Amino acid sequence: MGRYAAFPGGEILERGLRDLKEGVVSVESLLVEIGLPRLRMAGIRIPKLRASRIPAERRLYRLLCREEGDGAHSAYNAWIGRLVSLERALESEQGQAQEGRASSRRAPRT
């Protein structure tokens, strides 16, 4: 079981990180690129990305067109929805961890 398996969409993050590290273009690696700002803010270390003039969103859609044909639009929306769920879960976890650290530093009431 991976580090992020407990999160909804955790398998996306795990495979996407692995694929980015190995230089593999996949749905998951492109989703990690799309979610890069929020994932980094949630404390996720992202491997260095290869420069591309084409936005990750467009590259993802093109990949889905090849894989899904007429269903590419629906597949794109479903994948993005899973990414957003993952980002929210990671942010919630981070917020709870910060809240716990802050409450442990408070002076006891007298």
N, C-alpha and C. Protein backbone atom coordinates (compact mmCIF):
# COMPACT_ATOMS: atom_id res chain seq x y z
N MET A 1 0.85 -1.18 0.00
CA MET A 1 0.00 0.00 0.00
C MET A 1 0.90 1.24 0.00
N GLY A 2 0.58 2.21 -0.84
CA GLY A 2 1.40 3.40 -0.97
C GLY A 2 1.11 4.46 0.08
N ARG A 3 1.95 5.44 0.07
CA ARG A 3 1.87 6.53 1.05
C ARG A 3 0.56 7.32 0.98
N TYR A 4 0.01 7.44 -0.23
CA TYR A 4 -1.20 8.26 -0.40
C TYR A 4 -2.45 7.42 -0.65
N ALA A 5 -2.36 6.11 -0.42
CA ALA A 5 -3.47 5.21 -0.72
C ALA A 5 -4.74 5.54 0.06
N ALA A 6 -4.60 6.12 1.24
CA ALA A 6 -5.78 6.42 2.06
C ALA A 6 -6.59 7.60 1.53
N PHE A 7 -6.01 8.37 0.63
CA PHE A 7 -6.70 9.53 0.09
C PHE A 7 -7.49 9.15 -1.15
N PRO A 8 -8.66 9.79 -1.36
CA PRO A 8 -9.38 9.55 -2.61
C PRO A 8 -8.52 10.03 -3.77
N GLY A 9 -8.27 9.15 -4.72
CA GLY A 9 -7.40 9.50 -5.85
C GLY A 9 -5.92 9.37 -5.54
N GLY A 10 -5.60 8.78 -4.40
CA GLY A 10 -4.20 8.63 -4.01
C GLY A 10 -3.38 7.87 -5.03
N GLU A 11 -4.02 6.90 -5.69
CA GLU A 11 -3.30 6.13 -6.71
C GLU A 11 -2.89 7.01 -7.89
N ILE A 12 -3.66 8.05 -8.15
CA ILE A 12 -3.30 9.00 -9.22
C ILE A 12 -1.98 9.68 -8.85
N LEU A 13 -1.90 10.14 -7.63
CA LEU A 13 -0.70 10.84 -7.17
C LEU A 13 0.50 9.91 -7.19
N GLU A 14 0.33 8.70 -6.67
CA GLU A 14 1.45 7.77 -6.61
C GLU A 14 1.97 7.42 -8.01
N ARG A 15 1.07 7.07 -8.91
CA ARG A 15 1.51 6.73 -10.26
C ARG A 15 2.03 7.95 -10.99
N GLY A 16 1.37 9.09 -10.82
CA GLY A 16 1.80 10.32 -11.49
C GLY A 16 3.20 10.73 -11.07
N LEU A 17 3.49 10.64 -9.77
CA LEU A 17 4.83 10.97 -9.28
C LEU A 17 5.87 10.01 -9.85
N ARG A 18 5.54 8.73 -9.86
CA ARG A 18 6.46 7.72 -10.41
C ARG A 18 6.70 7.98 -11.90
N ASP A 19 5.63 8.23 -12.65
CA ASP A 19 5.77 8.47 -14.08
C ASP A 19 6.57 9.73 -14.37
N LEU A 20 6.34 10.79 -13.60
CA LEU A 20 7.12 12.01 -13.78
C LEU A 20 8.60 11.75 -13.55
N LYS A 21 8.89 11.02 -12.49
CA LYS A 21 10.28 10.71 -12.16
C LYS A 21 10.96 9.92 -13.28
N GLU A 22 10.18 9.02 -13.92
CA GLU A 22 10.71 8.17 -14.98
C GLU A 22 10.60 8.80 -16.37
N GLY A 23 10.01 10.00 -16.45
CA GLY A 23 9.85 10.67 -17.74
C GLY A 23 8.75 10.11 -18.61
N VAL A 24 7.78 9.44 -17.99
CA VAL A 24 6.67 8.83 -18.72
C VAL A 24 5.50 9.80 -18.77
N VAL A 25 4.95 10.00 -19.97
CA VAL A 25 3.75 10.82 -20.11
C VAL A 25 2.54 9.90 -19.97
N SER A 26 1.76 10.15 -18.95
CA SER A 26 0.56 9.36 -18.68
C SER A 26 -0.55 10.30 -18.22
N VAL A 27 -1.74 9.77 -18.15
CA VAL A 27 -2.85 10.56 -17.62
C VAL A 27 -2.48 11.05 -16.22
N GLU A 28 -1.94 10.15 -15.41
CA GLU A 28 -1.63 10.49 -14.03
C GLU A 28 -0.51 11.53 -13.93
N SER A 29 0.53 11.41 -14.75
CA SER A 29 1.62 12.39 -14.68
C SER A 29 1.14 13.76 -15.12
N LEU A 30 0.26 13.80 -16.10
CA LEU A 30 -0.29 15.08 -16.55
C LEU A 30 -1.20 15.69 -15.49
N LEU A 31 -1.94 14.85 -14.78
CA LEU A 31 -2.78 15.36 -13.69
C LEU A 31 -1.93 15.95 -12.57
N VAL A 32 -0.81 15.32 -12.25
CA VAL A 32 0.09 15.88 -11.24
C VAL A 32 0.62 17.23 -11.71
N GLU A 33 0.94 17.35 -13.00
CA GLU A 33 1.38 18.65 -13.53
C GLU A 33 0.28 19.69 -13.39
N ILE A 34 -0.93 19.32 -13.72
CA ILE A 34 -2.06 20.25 -13.62
C ILE A 34 -2.25 20.69 -12.17
N GLY A 35 -2.14 19.75 -11.25
CA GLY A 35 -2.36 20.06 -9.83
C GLY A 35 -1.14 20.57 -9.11
N LEU A 36 -0.05 20.79 -9.81
CA LEU A 36 1.23 21.14 -9.21
C LEU A 36 1.16 22.21 -8.12
N PRO A 37 0.56 23.37 -8.35
CA PRO A 37 0.56 24.41 -7.29
C PRO A 37 -0.11 23.94 -6.00
N ARG A 38 -1.28 23.34 -6.12
CA ARG A 38 -2.00 22.91 -4.91
C ARG A 38 -1.31 21.72 -4.25
N LEU A 39 -0.75 20.83 -5.04
CA LEU A 39 -0.06 19.68 -4.48
C LEU A 39 1.18 20.12 -3.72
N ARG A 40 1.92 21.05 -4.28
CA ARG A 40 3.10 21.57 -3.58
C ARG A 40 2.71 22.28 -2.30
N MET A 41 1.64 23.05 -2.34
CA MET A 41 1.18 23.75 -1.13
C MET A 41 0.74 22.75 -0.05
N ALA A 42 0.33 21.56 -0.49
CA ALA A 42 -0.08 20.52 0.46
C ALA A 42 1.13 19.72 0.95
N GLY A 43 2.33 20.12 0.51
CA GLY A 43 3.54 19.48 1.01
C GLY A 43 4.06 18.33 0.17
N ILE A 44 3.52 18.14 -1.02
CA ILE A 44 3.96 17.05 -1.89
C ILE A 44 5.19 17.50 -2.67
N ARG A 45 6.22 16.69 -2.64
CA ARG A 45 7.42 16.98 -3.43
C ARG A 45 7.21 16.45 -4.84
N ILE A 46 7.32 17.34 -5.81
CA ILE A 46 7.10 17.00 -7.20
C ILE A 46 8.46 16.95 -7.91
N PRO A 47 8.74 15.87 -8.65
CA PRO A 47 10.00 15.82 -9.41
C PRO A 47 10.06 16.96 -10.43
N LYS A 48 11.26 17.31 -10.83
CA LYS A 48 11.43 18.37 -11.82
C LYS A 48 10.72 17.98 -13.11
N LEU A 49 10.00 18.94 -13.67
CA LEU A 49 9.22 18.70 -14.88
C LEU A 49 10.00 19.08 -16.12
N ARG A 50 9.73 18.34 -17.19
CA ARG A 50 10.30 18.71 -18.48
C ARG A 50 9.51 19.90 -19.02
N ALA A 51 10.21 20.86 -19.58
CA ALA A 51 9.56 22.05 -20.12
C ALA A 51 8.71 21.69 -21.33
N SER A 52 7.55 22.30 -21.42
CA SER A 52 6.67 22.11 -22.57
C SER A 52 5.94 23.42 -22.84
N ARG A 53 5.83 23.74 -24.10
CA ARG A 53 5.09 24.96 -24.47
C ARG A 53 3.59 24.72 -24.48
N ILE A 54 3.21 23.46 -24.47
CA ILE A 54 1.79 23.11 -24.50
C ILE A 54 1.34 22.85 -23.06
N PRO A 55 0.29 23.54 -22.60
CA PRO A 55 -0.18 23.35 -21.23
C PRO A 55 -0.56 21.89 -20.95
N ALA A 56 -0.37 21.46 -19.73
CA ALA A 56 -0.67 20.08 -19.34
C ALA A 56 -2.14 19.74 -19.59
N GLU A 57 -3.02 20.70 -19.40
CA GLU A 57 -4.45 20.46 -19.65
C GLU A 57 -4.69 20.05 -21.10
N ARG A 58 -4.06 20.74 -22.01
CA ARG A 58 -4.24 20.43 -23.43
C ARG A 58 -3.59 19.09 -23.78
N ARG A 59 -2.41 18.82 -23.21
CA ARG A 59 -1.75 17.53 -23.46
C ARG A 59 -2.59 16.38 -22.92
N LEU A 60 -3.21 16.59 -21.75
CA LEU A 60 -4.08 15.56 -21.19
C LEU A 60 -5.27 15.31 -22.12
N TYR A 61 -5.89 16.36 -22.59
CA TYR A 61 -7.06 16.19 -23.47
C TYR A 61 -6.67 15.47 -24.75
N ARG A 62 -5.53 15.81 -25.32
CA ARG A 62 -5.07 15.13 -26.54
C ARG A 62 -4.83 13.65 -26.29
N LEU A 63 -4.22 13.34 -25.16
CA LEU A 63 -3.98 11.95 -24.80
C LEU A 63 -5.29 11.20 -24.65
N LEU A 64 -6.26 11.82 -23.99
CA LEU A 64 -7.56 11.19 -23.81
C LEU A 64 -8.30 11.03 -25.14
N CYS A 65 -8.12 11.96 -26.06
CA CYS A 65 -8.73 11.82 -27.39
C CYS A 65 -8.20 10.57 -28.08
N ARG A 66 -6.90 10.33 -27.95
CA ARG A 66 -6.31 9.13 -28.56
C ARG A 66 -6.83 7.86 -27.87
N GLU A 67 -6.96 7.91 -26.56
CA GLU A 67 -7.36 6.72 -25.80
C GLU A 67 -8.87 6.50 -25.77
N GLU A 68 -9.64 7.58 -25.69
CA GLU A 68 -11.08 7.47 -25.45
C GLU A 68 -11.94 7.83 -26.66
N GLY A 69 -11.36 8.45 -27.65
CA GLY A 69 -12.14 8.85 -28.82
C GLY A 69 -13.22 9.86 -28.45
N ASP A 70 -14.46 9.55 -28.81
CA ASP A 70 -15.58 10.46 -28.55
C ASP A 70 -15.85 10.68 -27.06
N GLY A 71 -15.35 9.81 -26.21
CA GLY A 71 -15.57 9.95 -24.78
C GLY A 71 -14.53 10.79 -24.08
N ALA A 72 -13.66 11.44 -24.85
CA ALA A 72 -12.55 12.19 -24.25
C ALA A 72 -13.03 13.31 -23.32
N HIS A 73 -14.06 14.03 -23.72
CA HIS A 73 -14.54 15.15 -22.92
C HIS A 73 -15.04 14.66 -21.55
N SER A 74 -15.84 13.62 -21.55
CA SER A 74 -16.35 13.06 -20.29
C SER A 74 -15.21 12.51 -19.44
N ALA A 75 -14.27 11.83 -20.08
CA ALA A 75 -13.13 11.27 -19.35
C ALA A 75 -12.29 12.39 -18.74
N TYR A 76 -12.07 13.46 -19.51
CA TYR A 76 -11.29 14.60 -19.01
C TYR A 76 -11.95 15.17 -17.75
N ASN A 77 -13.25 15.41 -17.83
CA ASN A 77 -13.95 15.97 -16.67
C ASN A 77 -13.90 15.03 -15.46
N ALA A 78 -14.01 13.74 -15.70
CA ALA A 78 -13.95 12.77 -14.59
C ALA A 78 -12.57 12.77 -13.95
N TRP A 79 -11.51 12.78 -14.76
CA TRP A 79 -10.15 12.80 -14.21
C TRP A 79 -9.88 14.07 -13.43
N ILE A 80 -10.32 15.20 -13.96
CA ILE A 80 -10.11 16.47 -13.26
C ILE A 80 -10.88 16.47 -11.94
N GLY A 81 -12.08 15.92 -11.95
CA GLY A 81 -12.85 15.81 -10.71
C GLY A 81 -12.14 14.98 -9.67
N ARG A 82 -11.50 13.90 -10.08
CA ARG A 82 -10.74 13.06 -9.14
C ARG A 82 -9.54 13.82 -8.60
N LEU A 83 -8.88 14.59 -9.48
CA LEU A 83 -7.74 15.40 -9.03
C LEU A 83 -8.18 16.41 -7.98
N VAL A 84 -9.27 17.08 -8.21
CA VAL A 84 -9.77 18.09 -7.27
C VAL A 84 -10.11 17.43 -5.93
N SER A 85 -10.72 16.26 -5.96
CA SER A 85 -11.02 15.54 -4.72
C SER A 85 -9.74 15.22 -3.96
N LEU A 86 -8.73 14.78 -4.66
CA LEU A 86 -7.44 14.48 -4.04
C LEU A 86 -6.83 15.73 -3.42
N GLU A 87 -6.83 16.83 -4.18
CA GLU A 87 -6.26 18.08 -3.67
C GLU A 87 -6.98 18.53 -2.40
N ARG A 88 -8.29 18.45 -2.41
CA ARG A 88 -9.07 18.86 -1.23
C ARG A 88 -8.77 17.98 -0.03
N ALA A 89 -8.65 16.68 -0.25
CA ALA A 89 -8.35 15.76 0.85
C ALA A 89 -6.96 16.05 1.43
N LEU A 90 -5.98 16.30 0.56
CA LEU A 90 -4.63 16.61 1.03
C LEU A 90 -4.61 17.93 1.80
N GLU A 91 -5.33 18.93 1.30
CA GLU A 91 -5.39 20.22 1.98
C GLU A 91 -6.08 20.09 3.33
N SER A 92 -7.14 19.27 3.39
CA SER A 92 -7.85 19.06 4.65
C SER A 92 -6.93 18.38 5.66
N GLU A 93 -6.21 17.37 5.21
CA GLU A 93 -5.27 16.67 6.08
C GLU A 93 -4.19 17.61 6.60
N GLN A 94 -3.69 18.45 5.71
CA GLN A 94 -2.64 19.40 6.10
C GLN A 94 -3.20 20.40 7.11
N GLY A 95 -4.41 20.88 6.89
CA GLY A 95 -5.04 21.82 7.82
C GLY A 95 -5.25 21.20 9.18
N GLN A 96 -5.67 19.95 9.22
CA GLN A 96 -5.87 19.26 10.50
C GLN A 96 -4.55 19.06 11.22
N ALA A 97 -3.50 18.75 10.48
CA ALA A 97 -2.18 18.57 11.10
C ALA A 97 -1.68 19.88 11.69
N GLN A 98 -1.88 20.97 10.96
CA GLN A 98 -1.45 22.29 11.45
C GLN A 98 -2.26 22.69 12.68
N GLU A 99 -3.55 22.39 12.66
CA GLU A 99 -4.42 22.71 13.78
C GLU A 99 -3.99 21.93 15.02
N GLY A 100 -3.62 20.67 14.85
CA GLY A 100 -3.17 19.85 15.95
C GLY A 100 -1.87 20.36 16.55
N ARG A 101 -0.95 20.80 15.70
CA ARG A 101 0.32 21.34 16.20
C ARG A 101 0.09 22.64 16.94
N ALA A 102 -0.82 23.48 16.44
CA ALA A 102 -1.09 24.76 17.09
C ALA A 102 -1.73 24.54 18.45
N SER A 103 -2.64 23.60 18.56
CA SER A 103 -3.31 23.39 19.85
C SER A 103 -2.37 22.77 20.87
N SER A 104 -1.37 22.02 20.43
CA SER A 104 -0.43 21.43 21.38
C SER A 104 0.56 22.47 21.91
N ARG A 105 0.68 23.60 21.23
CA ARG A 105 1.61 24.66 21.67
C ARG A 105 0.93 25.65 22.60
N ARG A 106 -0.38 25.61 22.67
CA ARG A 106 -1.10 26.55 23.53
C ARG A 106 -0.83 26.25 25.00
N ALA A 107 -0.79 27.29 25.78
CA ALA A 107 -0.58 27.14 27.23
C ALA A 107 -1.85 26.58 27.85
N PRO A 108 -1.71 25.70 28.83
CA PRO A 108 -2.90 25.17 29.49
C PRO A 108 -3.63 26.27 30.26
N ARG A 109 -4.93 26.13 30.35
CA ARG A 109 -5.74 27.11 31.10
C ARG A 109 -5.54 26.91 32.59
N THR A 110 -5.54 28.02 33.30
CA THR A 110 -5.40 27.95 34.75
C THR A 110 -6.63 28.45 35.45
